[in-house]
Protein backbone atom coordinates (compact mmCIF):
# COMPACT_ATOMS: atom_id res chain seq x y z
CA UNK A 1 33.50 17.70 -36.01
CA UNK A 2 31.21 17.66 -32.77
CA UNK A 3 31.93 15.66 -29.78
CA UNK A 4 33.99 12.77 -31.13
CA UNK A 5 34.33 9.79 -29.24
CA UNK A 6 37.80 8.53 -29.45
CA UNK A 7 37.13 4.97 -30.12
CA UNK A 8 40.99 4.06 -29.55
CA UNK A 9 40.19 4.20 -25.55
CA UNK A 10 37.34 1.77 -26.21
CA UNK A 11 39.87 -0.50 -27.79
CA UNK A 12 42.54 -0.05 -24.96
CA UNK A 13 39.86 -1.08 -22.37
CA UNK A 14 38.71 -3.96 -24.10
CA UNK A 15 42.20 -5.60 -24.40
CA UNK A 16 42.48 -4.84 -20.63
CA UNK A 17 39.07 -6.76 -20.07
CA UNK A 18 40.16 -9.37 -22.02
CA UNK A 19 43.13 -9.93 -20.31
CA UNK A 20 41.46 -9.88 -16.95
CA UNK A 21 39.18 -12.62 -18.23
CA UNK A 22 41.93 -15.07 -19.36
CA UNK A 23 42.45 -17.83 -17.06
CA UNK A 24 44.96 -17.84 -14.49
CA UNK A 25 46.92 -20.41 -16.44
CA UNK A 26 47.06 -18.19 -19.57
CA UNK A 27 47.43 -14.93 -17.32
CA UNK A 28 50.73 -15.80 -16.34
CA UNK A 29 52.00 -15.58 -20.15
CA UNK A 30 50.48 -12.24 -20.60
CA UNK A 31 50.75 -8.38 -19.27
CA UNK A 32 48.94 -5.53 -19.77
CA UNK A 33 49.07 -1.69 -19.90
CA UNK A 34 47.94 1.11 -17.86
CA UNK A 35 45.03 3.61 -18.56
CA UNK A 36 42.55 5.37 -16.89
CA UNK A 37 40.17 2.62 -16.41
CA UNK A 38 42.56 -0.09 -15.33
CA UNK A 39 44.96 -1.30 -12.84
CA UNK A 40 48.39 -2.07 -13.90
CA UNK A 41 49.52 -6.03 -14.29
CA UNK A 42 52.83 -7.44 -13.81
CA UNK A 43 55.03 -6.80 -17.09
CA UNK A 44 56.31 -9.98 -18.75
CA UNK A 45 57.04 -11.71 -22.02
CA UNK A 46 53.23 -12.04 -23.47
CA UNK A 47 51.64 -13.49 -26.99
CA UNK A 48 50.25 -11.12 -29.08
CA UNK A 49 46.64 -10.64 -28.32
CA UNK A 50 44.23 -9.94 -31.93
CA UNK A 51 40.89 -8.93 -31.74
CA UNK A 52 38.93 -9.51 -35.33
CA UNK A 53 35.41 -8.53 -35.68
CA UNK A 54 33.15 -7.98 -38.60
CA UNK A 55 30.53 -5.14 -39.07
CA UNK A 56 26.86 -5.69 -40.32
CA UNK A 57 26.30 -6.21 -43.94
CA UNK A 58 23.33 -4.82 -45.92
CA UNK A 59 20.36 -6.91 -45.39
CA UNK A 60 17.80 -7.12 -48.30
CA UNK A 61 14.02 -7.97 -48.50
CA UNK A 62 13.06 -11.55 -49.10
CA UNK A 63 14.11 -12.55 -52.69
CA UNK A 64 14.21 -8.83 -53.95
CA UNK A 65 17.27 -6.60 -54.35
CA UNK A 66 15.35 -3.99 -52.15
CA UNK A 67 17.73 -2.86 -49.31
CA UNK A 68 16.38 -3.16 -45.74
CA UNK A 69 17.36 0.02 -43.46
CA UNK A 70 20.98 -0.34 -42.29
CA UNK A 71 22.31 -0.37 -38.76
CA UNK A 72 25.92 -1.18 -37.63
CA UNK A 73 26.35 -4.14 -35.24
CA UNK A 74 26.97 -2.32 -31.70
CA UNK A 75 30.02 -3.81 -30.88
CA UNK A 76 31.87 -3.16 -33.93
CA UNK A 77 30.79 0.38 -33.98
CA UNK A 78 31.77 0.93 -30.42
CA UNK A 79 35.30 -0.26 -31.41
CA UNK A 80 35.55 1.59 -34.61
CA UNK A 81 33.05 4.24 -34.89
CA UNK A 82 32.52 3.15 -38.68
CA UNK A 83 28.87 2.55 -39.92
CA UNK A 84 30.05 1.55 -43.43
CA UNK A 85 28.44 -1.93 -44.14
CA UNK A 86 30.83 -5.20 -44.80
CA UNK A 87 33.51 -3.72 -42.65
CA UNK A 88 36.09 -5.44 -40.44
CA UNK A 89 38.16 -4.46 -37.52
CA UNK A 90 41.65 -6.07 -36.61
CA UNK A 91 43.19 -4.48 -33.57
CA UNK A 92 46.60 -5.87 -32.05
CA UNK A 93 48.17 -5.54 -28.74
CA UNK A 94 51.61 -6.78 -29.31
CA UNK A 95 54.08 -8.80 -27.12
CA UNK A 96 55.84 -7.24 -24.46
CA UNK A 97 53.39 -4.74 -23.94
CA UNK A 98 53.79 -2.04 -21.18
CA UNK A 99 51.73 0.77 -19.70
CA UNK A 100 52.75 3.07 -22.68
CA UNK A 101 52.07 0.58 -25.24
CA UNK A 102 48.88 1.43 -27.45
CA UNK A 103 46.99 -1.14 -29.68
CA UNK A 104 47.01 -0.82 -33.20
CA UNK A 105 43.76 -0.99 -34.96
CA UNK A 106 43.53 -1.54 -38.88
CA UNK A 107 39.88 -0.90 -40.10
CA UNK A 108 38.77 -2.57 -43.43
CA UNK A 109 36.37 -1.13 -45.52
CA UNK A 110 34.77 -2.23 -48.96
CA UNK A 111 35.88 -0.83 -52.27
CA UNK A 112 33.91 1.19 -54.24
CA UNK A 113 32.29 -0.73 -56.91
CA UNK A 114 30.74 0.47 -60.21
CA UNK A 115 27.04 -0.49 -59.19
CA UNK A 116 27.65 1.36 -56.11
CA UNK A 117 28.17 4.44 -57.58
CA UNK A 118 25.44 3.94 -59.97
CA UNK A 119 22.57 2.89 -57.46
CA UNK A 120 23.71 4.29 -54.22
CA UNK A 121 26.05 6.04 -51.94
CA UNK A 122 29.52 4.31 -52.20
CA UNK A 123 31.80 3.84 -49.33
CA UNK A 124 34.50 6.44 -48.99
CA UNK A 125 37.82 6.06 -50.80
CA UNK A 126 40.75 5.35 -48.18
CA UNK A 127 42.07 8.70 -48.03
CA UNK A 128 38.89 10.23 -47.12
CA UNK A 129 38.00 7.52 -44.45
CA UNK A 130 41.29 8.24 -42.87
CA UNK A 131 39.92 11.63 -42.04
CA UNK A 132 36.35 10.22 -41.06
CA UNK A 133 37.64 7.38 -38.67
CA UNK A 134 39.77 6.88 -35.42
CA UNK A 135 41.98 4.01 -36.96
CA UNK A 136 45.77 3.44 -36.93
CA UNK A 137 45.47 2.25 -40.58
CA UNK A 138 42.47 2.00 -42.92
CA UNK A 139 42.76 -0.54 -46.04
CA UNK A 140 40.39 -2.11 -48.37
CA UNK A 141 38.33 -5.16 -47.13
CA UNK A 142 39.98 -7.68 -49.80
CA UNK A 143 43.40 -7.13 -48.00
CA UNK A 144 42.25 -8.83 -44.62
CA UNK A 145 43.69 -11.97 -45.39
CA UNK A 146 46.93 -10.32 -46.27
CA UNK A 147 47.07 -8.90 -43.24
CA UNK A 148 46.04 -11.97 -41.24
CA UNK A 149 49.17 -13.49 -42.79
CA UNK A 150 51.60 -10.77 -41.92
CA UNK A 151 50.39 -11.02 -38.30
CA UNK A 152 50.95 -14.53 -38.24
CA UNK A 153 54.14 -14.45 -39.73
CA UNK A 154 55.41 -11.78 -37.39
CA UNK A 155 53.70 -13.80 -34.29
CA UNK A 156 52.82 -17.32 -34.95
CA UNK A 157 51.61 -17.82 -31.52
CA UNK A 158 49.09 -14.87 -31.57
CA UNK A 159 45.93 -15.27 -29.91
CA UNK A 160 42.90 -14.31 -31.82
CA UNK A 161 39.64 -13.32 -30.13
CA UNK A 162 36.41 -13.45 -32.10
CA UNK A 163 32.80 -13.15 -31.36
CA UNK A 164 30.67 -16.66 -31.37
CA UNK A 165 31.17 -18.18 -34.55
CA UNK A 166 27.93 -19.66 -36.33
CA UNK A 167 25.67 -17.64 -34.48
CA UNK A 168 23.06 -15.83 -35.76
CA UNK A 169 23.51 -12.76 -33.16
CA UNK A 170 26.66 -11.61 -34.84
CA UNK A 171 27.99 -10.85 -38.48
CA UNK A 172 30.22 -13.55 -39.67
CA UNK A 173 33.85 -13.18 -40.47
CA UNK A 174 34.92 -14.28 -44.01
CA UNK A 175 35.42 -17.81 -44.38
CA UNK A 176 38.71 -17.08 -46.06
CA UNK A 177 39.61 -15.21 -42.93
CA UNK A 178 38.80 -18.08 -40.69
CA UNK A 179 40.41 -20.91 -43.20
CA UNK A 180 43.64 -19.35 -42.72
CA UNK A 181 43.86 -19.45 -39.07
CA UNK A 182 43.40 -23.12 -39.15
CA UNK A 183 46.38 -24.23 -41.03
CA UNK A 184 48.60 -21.94 -39.40
CA UNK A 185 47.52 -23.51 -35.76
CA UNK A 186 46.64 -20.14 -34.69
CA UNK A 187 44.90 -20.02 -31.31
CA UNK A 188 41.24 -18.43 -31.96
CA UNK A 189 39.15 -17.80 -28.74
CA UNK A 190 35.52 -17.05 -28.64
CA UNK A 191 34.49 -17.03 -25.12
CA UNK A 192 36.13 -13.58 -23.93
CA UNK A 193 35.81 -10.98 -26.36
CA UNK A 194 32.05 -10.76 -26.04
CA UNK A 195 31.94 -10.59 -21.99
CA UNK A 196 34.86 -8.34 -22.31
CA UNK A 197 32.68 -5.94 -24.51
CA UNK A 198 29.66 -6.31 -22.23
CA UNK A 199 31.56 -5.29 -19.27
CA UNK A 200 33.53 -2.17 -21.06
CA UNK A 201 30.37 -1.03 -22.54
CA UNK A 202 28.83 -0.46 -19.02
CA UNK A 203 31.16 2.37 -18.22
CA UNK A 204 30.59 5.97 -19.74
CA UNK A 205 33.13 8.59 -20.17
CA UNK A 206 32.81 11.92 -20.14
CA UNK A 207 32.29 12.46 -23.77
CA UNK A 208 29.80 9.63 -23.94
CA UNK A 209 27.68 11.19 -21.21
CA UNK A 210 27.64 14.16 -23.31
CA UNK A 211 26.39 12.53 -26.24
CA UNK A 212 23.75 10.63 -24.08
CA UNK A 213 22.69 14.04 -22.79
CA UNK A 214 22.50 15.52 -26.20
CA UNK A 215 20.15 12.52 -27.67
CA UNK A 216 17.93 13.08 -24.43
CA UNK A 217 17.61 16.55 -25.32
CA UNK A 218 16.52 15.88 -28.97
CA UNK A 219 14.03 13.40 -27.95
CA UNK A 220 12.51 15.58 -25.21
CA UNK A 221 12.17 18.41 -27.86
CA UNK A 222 10.41 15.88 -30.32
CA UNK A 223 8.10 14.80 -27.50
CA UNK A 224 7.34 18.57 -26.74
CA UNK A 225 6.50 19.25 -30.61
CA UNK A 226 4.03 16.28 -30.71
CA UNK A 227 2.06 17.82 -27.57
CA UNK A 228 2.28 21.37 -28.75
CA UNK A 229 0.51 20.25 -32.23
CA UNK A 230 -1.78 18.44 -30.32
CA UNK A 231 -2.69 21.51 -28.17
CA UNK A 232 -3.09 23.70 -31.03
CA UNK A 233 -6.16 21.43 -32.06
CA UNK A 234 -7.44 21.07 -28.78
CA UNK A 235 -7.48 25.09 -28.86
CA UNK A 236 -8.88 25.25 -32.17
CA UNK A 237 -5.88 27.00 -33.59
CA UNK A 238 -5.47 24.27 -36.27
CA UNK A 239 -8.22 22.23 -38.08
CA UNK A 240 -8.66 20.29 -41.21
CA UNK A 241 -11.82 22.38 -42.18
CA UNK A 242 -9.83 25.81 -42.05
CA UNK A 243 -6.71 24.06 -43.97
CA UNK A 244 -9.48 22.89 -46.60
CA UNK A 245 -11.05 26.51 -47.09
CA UNK A 246 -7.22 27.42 -48.24
CA UNK A 247 -6.97 24.98 -50.61
CA UNK A 248 -4.50 22.81 -48.47
CA UNK A 249 -4.96 18.96 -49.21
CA UNK A 250 -6.77 19.52 -52.49
CA UNK A 251 -4.74 22.26 -54.50
CA UNK A 252 -1.62 22.22 -52.45
CA UNK A 253 -0.25 19.76 -49.73
CA UNK A 254 -0.48 20.31 -46.21
CA UNK A 255 2.46 22.31 -44.68
CA UNK A 256 3.98 21.21 -41.50
CA UNK A 257 2.09 24.01 -39.51
CA UNK A 258 -0.91 22.51 -40.93
CA UNK A 259 -0.47 18.95 -39.71
CA UNK A 260 -3.29 17.56 -37.70
CA UNK A 261 -2.86 14.58 -35.28
CA UNK A 262 -5.69 11.90 -35.34
CA UNK A 263 -3.89 8.92 -35.36
CA UNK A 264 -0.58 7.50 -33.78
CA UNK A 265 1.39 7.40 -37.13
CA UNK A 266 0.57 11.13 -37.76
CA UNK A 267 2.29 11.57 -34.28
CA UNK A 268 5.17 9.54 -35.43
CA UNK A 269 5.55 11.46 -38.46
CA UNK A 270 6.10 14.75 -36.60
CA UNK A 271 8.16 13.22 -33.76
CA UNK A 272 10.44 11.27 -36.37
CA UNK A 273 10.60 14.88 -38.38
CA UNK A 274 11.82 16.63 -35.36
CA UNK A 275 14.17 14.12 -34.48
CA UNK A 276 15.89 14.07 -38.04
CA UNK A 277 15.80 17.78 -38.13
CA UNK A 278 18.28 17.94 -35.18
CA UNK A 279 20.80 15.00 -36.51
CA UNK A 280 18.81 11.63 -35.31
CA UNK A 281 19.22 9.20 -38.66
CA UNK A 282 17.60 6.37 -37.27
CA UNK A 283 14.76 7.17 -34.59
CA UNK A 284 15.47 5.96 -31.01
CA UNK A 285 18.71 4.03 -32.46
CA UNK A 286 21.60 6.51 -32.41
CA UNK A 287 22.37 10.24 -32.75
CA UNK A 288 24.83 11.37 -35.26
CA UNK A 289 27.13 14.08 -35.12
CA UNK A 290 29.55 14.16 -38.27
CA UNK A 291 31.18 10.78 -38.32
CA UNK A 292 30.38 9.37 -34.64
CA UNK A 293 27.31 8.38 -33.20
CA UNK A 294 25.65 7.53 -29.63
CA UNK A 295 22.78 5.65 -28.60
CA UNK A 296 19.84 6.23 -26.05
CA UNK A 297 17.97 3.02 -24.95
CA UNK A 298 17.34 3.60 -21.25
CA UNK A 299 16.06 6.42 -18.85
CA UNK A 300 18.16 8.67 -17.03
CA UNK A 301 16.99 7.27 -13.96
CA UNK A 302 19.02 3.98 -14.75
CA UNK A 303 22.55 5.89 -14.67
CA UNK A 304 24.67 6.99 -11.80
CA UNK A 305 27.92 8.61 -11.86
CA UNK A 306 30.86 6.92 -10.00
CA UNK A 307 33.70 9.28 -8.25
CA UNK A 308 35.91 8.89 -11.40
CA UNK A 309 33.58 11.17 -13.54
CA UNK A 310 32.42 7.93 -15.53
CA UNK A 311 28.82 6.67 -15.74
CA UNK A 312 28.25 3.23 -14.96
CA UNK A 313 24.71 1.97 -15.92
CA UNK A 314 23.63 -1.46 -14.37
CA UNK A 315 21.77 -3.86 -16.94
CA UNK A 316 21.27 -1.31 -19.70
CA UNK A 317 22.17 -0.76 -22.99
CA UNK A 318 22.97 2.80 -23.09
CA UNK A 319 25.71 2.47 -25.33
CA UNK A 320 27.56 3.62 -28.50
CA UNK A 321 25.31 2.05 -31.03
């Protein structure tokens, strides 16, 4: 596995930001933990804090069963490294946390159905997913309500942090999961998780920086490939006439070395082919290495490095996913 980004560090940093964002009246009830990105809070009795977030679902073209290209929700991917549709994450920072306390994460993935096996690539089995993703536990998605029940039974005053509900910007949590929280008088906060994610994702660690640089290298080579093909045509080293004389386009298809760029779509085809040969799954979205990914959406000039070896981008979306 090449340059795997440890998403458990992301979860730790998100919890630290969550506790920073809590109002002063709530902050006196909670503590925090130390990591390389945070300052210490005074340890004291605290309520359990839970992050509950949904991954993206597979979209379909209007009134058809034609699947649209899938792209995981960015915040979910940042916390899990999981690009399986219809997944969920429940991350818990238990009460009485100290500097040595690590949050626990439970990743929920859908169970493979017969239709998945027949028509598309099914989600992995749980035992395989444990090798793929950096989570404390991995369970099937239908067990999410049971885990919520167990969490509330163990700590009834748990605070659940979710992304804004009823928003078209984010995948929605299952109705059953939300209805479970209401009768138990669980506290559900939706004003702190999103800003905590936004603040945390501005900071890039050394591993993320390496992935960003790799994505830049691949994109640069793809641009160079397009320019070199254009240059060959300018120098008359490739032409449609020569290719036709050799039977290309009539008796046989044109080979990549015979491709001729006359339209923007033809340049795009060469650019996409070059990127995907080197690891891009979705052009301009993210670079996948094994089971982890990185994203490049802003120019290198918008990135600066601080003294701690961490990159901070201002007003950028140069993020994991």
